[in-house]
């Protein structure tokens, strides 16, 4: 009976990337737009302290000098982010 080939172990799991739209730099912040279809969890907006429910388009921002998976990454309502950047 022939031997079965060995299975190769799966590669080490990397943190999942943020799904969403374009990434841009804004005054020392990296900002990514998240579409409604890519928004699958509930987050609390730091601008208004209200929930961002699943299915709501929003933006994610983190300091430009940090990696994408940083603990400084925050999910904002798009309007709250714009208002925060103007002040």
N, C-alpha and C. Protein backbone atom coordinates (compact mmCIF):
# COMPACT_ATOMS: atom_id res chain seq x y z
N UNK A 1 0.85 -1.17 0.00
CA UNK A 1 0.00 0.00 0.00
C UNK A 1 0.90 1.24 0.00
N UNK A 2 0.66 2.21 -0.92
CA UNK A 2 1.50 3.41 -0.96
C UNK A 2 1.27 4.30 0.26
N UNK A 3 2.30 5.02 0.62
CA UNK A 3 2.21 5.96 1.75
C UNK A 3 1.57 7.26 1.32
N UNK A 4 0.87 7.85 2.23
CA UNK A 4 0.29 9.17 1.96
C UNK A 4 1.37 10.22 2.15
N UNK A 5 1.35 11.25 1.33
CA UNK A 5 2.34 12.32 1.54
C UNK A 5 2.07 13.04 2.85
N UNK A 6 3.12 13.51 3.47
CA UNK A 6 2.98 14.25 4.72
C UNK A 6 2.35 15.61 4.46
N UNK A 7 1.54 16.01 5.39
CA UNK A 7 0.95 17.35 5.29
C UNK A 7 1.94 18.34 5.86
N UNK A 8 2.07 19.47 5.20
CA UNK A 8 2.94 20.51 5.74
C UNK A 8 2.13 21.30 6.76
N UNK A 9 2.75 21.67 7.86
CA UNK A 9 2.01 22.44 8.86
C UNK A 9 1.64 23.81 8.32
N UNK A 10 0.51 24.35 8.76
CA UNK A 10 0.12 25.68 8.28
C UNK A 10 1.11 26.73 8.79
N UNK A 11 1.29 27.81 8.04
CA UNK A 11 2.21 28.86 8.49
C UNK A 11 1.70 29.50 9.78
N UNK A 12 2.60 30.11 10.50
CA UNK A 12 2.22 30.79 11.75
C UNK A 12 1.16 31.83 11.46
N UNK A 13 0.17 31.88 12.30
CA UNK A 13 -0.95 32.80 12.10
C UNK A 13 -0.52 34.23 12.37
N UNK A 14 -0.72 35.07 11.39
CA UNK A 14 -0.45 36.50 11.53
C UNK A 14 -1.76 37.18 11.91
N UNK A 15 -1.70 38.33 12.58
CA UNK A 15 -2.96 39.01 12.89
C UNK A 15 -3.68 39.38 11.59
N UNK A 16 -4.99 39.24 11.57
CA UNK A 16 -5.71 39.54 10.33
C UNK A 16 -5.59 41.03 9.98
N UNK A 17 -5.41 41.32 8.70
CA UNK A 17 -5.31 42.73 8.31
C UNK A 17 -6.68 43.41 8.41
N UNK A 18 -6.66 44.70 8.54
CA UNK A 18 -7.90 45.45 8.51
C UNK A 18 -8.47 45.39 7.10
N UNK A 19 -9.74 45.07 7.01
CA UNK A 19 -10.37 45.07 5.70
C UNK A 19 -10.98 46.44 5.48
N UNK A 20 -10.83 46.94 4.30
CA UNK A 20 -11.46 48.23 4.07
C UNK A 20 -10.89 48.95 2.88
N UNK A 21 -11.07 50.24 2.88
CA UNK A 21 -10.74 51.06 1.74
C UNK A 21 -9.33 51.61 1.75
N UNK A 22 -9.20 52.76 1.21
CA UNK A 22 -7.91 53.40 0.99
C UNK A 22 -7.24 53.80 2.29
N UNK A 23 -5.92 53.72 2.27
CA UNK A 23 -5.14 54.18 3.42
C UNK A 23 -4.50 55.50 3.02
N UNK A 24 -4.56 56.48 3.92
CA UNK A 24 -3.98 57.79 3.63
C UNK A 24 -3.34 58.33 4.91
N UNK A 25 -2.44 59.29 4.74
CA UNK A 25 -1.81 59.95 5.87
C UNK A 25 -2.45 61.32 6.08
N UNK A 26 -2.76 61.61 7.33
CA UNK A 26 -3.36 62.90 7.69
C UNK A 26 -2.66 63.43 8.94
N UNK A 27 -1.79 64.39 8.78
CA UNK A 27 -1.16 65.09 9.91
C UNK A 27 -0.62 64.15 10.99
N UNK A 28 0.20 63.20 10.60
CA UNK A 28 0.80 62.30 11.57
C UNK A 28 -0.04 61.09 11.93
N UNK A 29 -1.17 60.91 11.27
CA UNK A 29 -2.05 59.77 11.49
C UNK A 29 -2.20 59.00 10.20
N UNK A 30 -2.25 57.70 10.28
CA UNK A 30 -2.60 56.86 9.15
C UNK A 30 -4.08 56.55 9.30
N UNK A 31 -4.84 56.78 8.24
CA UNK A 31 -6.30 56.65 8.30
C UNK A 31 -6.76 55.69 7.21
N UNK A 32 -7.62 54.76 7.57
CA UNK A 32 -8.18 53.82 6.61
C UNK A 32 -9.70 53.89 6.67
N UNK A 33 -10.33 53.98 5.51
CA UNK A 33 -11.79 53.94 5.43
C UNK A 33 -12.25 52.49 5.47
N UNK A 34 -13.27 52.22 6.26
CA UNK A 34 -13.84 50.89 6.37
C UNK A 34 -15.26 50.94 5.80
N UNK A 35 -15.54 50.07 4.84
CA UNK A 35 -16.87 50.05 4.23
C UNK A 35 -17.87 49.39 5.17
N UNK A 36 -19.13 49.59 4.92
CA UNK A 36 -20.16 48.98 5.75
C UNK A 36 -20.12 47.46 5.69
N UNK A 37 -19.82 46.89 4.53
CA UNK A 37 -19.77 45.44 4.42
C UNK A 37 -18.56 44.85 5.14
N UNK A 38 -17.51 45.62 5.30
CA UNK A 38 -16.31 45.14 6.00
C UNK A 38 -16.40 45.35 7.50
N UNK A 39 -17.34 46.16 7.96
CA UNK A 39 -17.49 46.44 9.39
C UNK A 39 -18.34 45.34 10.02
N UNK A 40 -17.69 44.46 10.78
CA UNK A 40 -18.39 43.29 11.30
C UNK A 40 -18.51 43.28 12.82
N UNK A 41 -17.92 44.24 13.50
CA UNK A 41 -17.96 44.28 14.96
C UNK A 41 -18.47 45.64 15.43
N UNK A 42 -18.86 45.70 16.68
CA UNK A 42 -19.26 46.97 17.29
C UNK A 42 -18.05 47.61 17.94
N UNK A 43 -17.85 48.90 17.69
CA UNK A 43 -16.76 49.67 18.30
C UNK A 43 -17.37 50.90 18.96
N UNK A 44 -16.64 51.52 19.85
CA UNK A 44 -17.08 52.77 20.48
C UNK A 44 -16.22 53.89 19.91
N UNK A 45 -16.86 54.89 19.33
CA UNK A 45 -16.16 56.03 18.74
C UNK A 45 -15.56 56.89 19.86
N UNK A 46 -14.25 57.20 19.80
CA UNK A 46 -13.66 58.05 20.83
C UNK A 46 -14.09 59.51 20.73
N UNK A 47 -14.68 59.90 19.60
CA UNK A 47 -15.12 61.28 19.44
C UNK A 47 -16.43 61.59 20.13
N UNK A 48 -17.40 60.66 20.03
CA UNK A 48 -18.72 60.90 20.61
C UNK A 48 -19.10 59.87 21.67
N UNK A 49 -18.27 58.86 21.85
CA UNK A 49 -18.50 57.79 22.83
C UNK A 49 -19.78 57.01 22.57
N UNK A 50 -20.21 56.97 21.31
CA UNK A 50 -21.37 56.19 20.91
C UNK A 50 -20.91 54.96 20.14
N UNK A 51 -21.76 53.94 20.09
CA UNK A 51 -21.42 52.72 19.37
C UNK A 51 -21.35 52.97 17.87
N UNK A 52 -20.44 52.25 17.23
CA UNK A 52 -20.40 52.14 15.77
C UNK A 52 -20.85 50.71 15.50
N UNK A 53 -22.12 50.49 15.15
CA UNK A 53 -22.62 49.12 14.99
C UNK A 53 -22.08 48.46 13.73
N UNK A 54 -22.13 47.12 13.68
CA UNK A 54 -21.71 46.41 12.47
C UNK A 54 -22.50 46.93 11.27
N UNK A 55 -21.84 47.00 10.13
CA UNK A 55 -22.48 47.46 8.91
C UNK A 55 -22.41 48.96 8.70
N UNK A 56 -21.78 49.69 9.63
CA UNK A 56 -21.67 51.14 9.52
C UNK A 56 -20.32 51.53 8.95
N UNK A 57 -20.28 52.24 7.82
CA UNK A 57 -18.99 52.71 7.31
C UNK A 57 -18.36 53.67 8.32
N UNK A 58 -17.05 53.58 8.49
CA UNK A 58 -16.33 54.43 9.43
C UNK A 58 -14.87 54.49 9.05
N UNK A 59 -14.04 55.13 9.87
CA UNK A 59 -12.60 55.19 9.61
C UNK A 59 -11.86 54.62 10.81
N UNK A 60 -10.66 54.11 10.53
CA UNK A 60 -9.76 53.62 11.56
C UNK A 60 -8.50 54.46 11.47
N UNK A 61 -8.02 54.96 12.60
CA UNK A 61 -6.83 55.83 12.61
C UNK A 61 -5.85 55.34 13.66
N UNK A 62 -4.55 55.46 13.33
CA UNK A 62 -3.48 55.14 14.26
C UNK A 62 -2.30 56.04 13.95
N UNK A 63 -1.42 56.29 14.92
CA UNK A 63 -0.27 57.16 14.67
C UNK A 63 0.58 56.62 13.52
N UNK A 64 1.06 57.50 12.65
CA UNK A 64 1.81 57.09 11.47
C UNK A 64 3.10 56.37 11.80
N UNK A 65 3.68 56.64 12.95
CA UNK A 65 4.95 56.00 13.31
C UNK A 65 4.76 54.63 13.95
N UNK A 66 3.54 54.15 14.05
CA UNK A 66 3.25 52.85 14.64
C UNK A 66 2.84 51.86 13.56
N UNK A 67 2.94 50.58 13.88
CA UNK A 67 2.49 49.53 12.97
C UNK A 67 0.97 49.51 12.92
N UNK A 68 0.43 48.87 11.91
CA UNK A 68 -1.03 48.84 11.72
C UNK A 68 -1.75 48.15 12.87
N UNK A 69 -1.13 47.18 13.50
CA UNK A 69 -1.78 46.44 14.57
C UNK A 69 -1.56 47.03 15.95
N UNK A 70 -1.22 48.27 16.03
CA UNK A 70 -0.90 48.91 17.30
C UNK A 70 -2.10 49.01 18.23
N UNK A 71 -1.83 49.18 19.50
CA UNK A 71 -2.91 49.37 20.47
C UNK A 71 -3.48 50.78 20.38
N UNK A 72 -2.83 51.67 19.68
CA UNK A 72 -3.31 53.05 19.52
C UNK A 72 -4.35 53.17 18.40
N UNK A 73 -4.66 52.09 17.72
CA UNK A 73 -5.62 52.13 16.61
C UNK A 73 -7.02 52.36 17.17
N UNK A 74 -7.74 53.30 16.59
CA UNK A 74 -9.09 53.64 17.05
C UNK A 74 -10.06 53.71 15.87
N UNK A 75 -11.29 53.27 16.12
CA UNK A 75 -12.36 53.31 15.12
C UNK A 75 -13.21 54.54 15.41
N UNK A 76 -13.43 55.36 14.38
CA UNK A 76 -14.16 56.62 14.52
C UNK A 76 -15.33 56.66 13.52
N UNK A 77 -16.43 57.31 13.93
CA UNK A 77 -17.42 57.70 12.92
C UNK A 77 -16.70 58.65 11.96
N UNK A 78 -17.01 58.59 10.70
CA UNK A 78 -16.35 59.46 9.73
C UNK A 78 -16.54 60.93 10.07
N UNK A 79 -17.75 61.32 10.44
CA UNK A 79 -18.01 62.72 10.81
C UNK A 79 -17.26 63.14 12.07
N UNK A 80 -17.17 62.25 13.04
CA UNK A 80 -16.43 62.57 14.28
C UNK A 80 -14.95 62.75 13.98
N UNK A 81 -14.40 61.91 13.09
CA UNK A 81 -12.99 62.04 12.72
C UNK A 81 -12.74 63.39 12.03
N UNK A 82 -13.61 63.75 11.10
CA UNK A 82 -13.45 65.04 10.40
C UNK A 82 -13.54 66.21 11.37
N UNK A 83 -14.48 66.13 12.27
CA UNK A 83 -14.65 67.20 13.27
C UNK A 83 -13.41 67.29 14.18
N UNK A 84 -12.87 66.16 14.57
CA UNK A 84 -11.68 66.11 15.43
C UNK A 84 -10.47 66.72 14.71
N UNK A 85 -10.34 66.47 13.43
CA UNK A 85 -9.18 66.96 12.66
C UNK A 85 -9.27 68.47 12.44
N UNK A 86 -10.48 69.02 12.40
CA UNK A 86 -10.63 70.48 12.22
C UNK A 86 -10.29 71.26 13.45
N UNK A 87 -10.44 70.65 14.62
CA UNK A 87 -10.21 71.40 15.86
C UNK A 87 -8.74 71.46 16.23
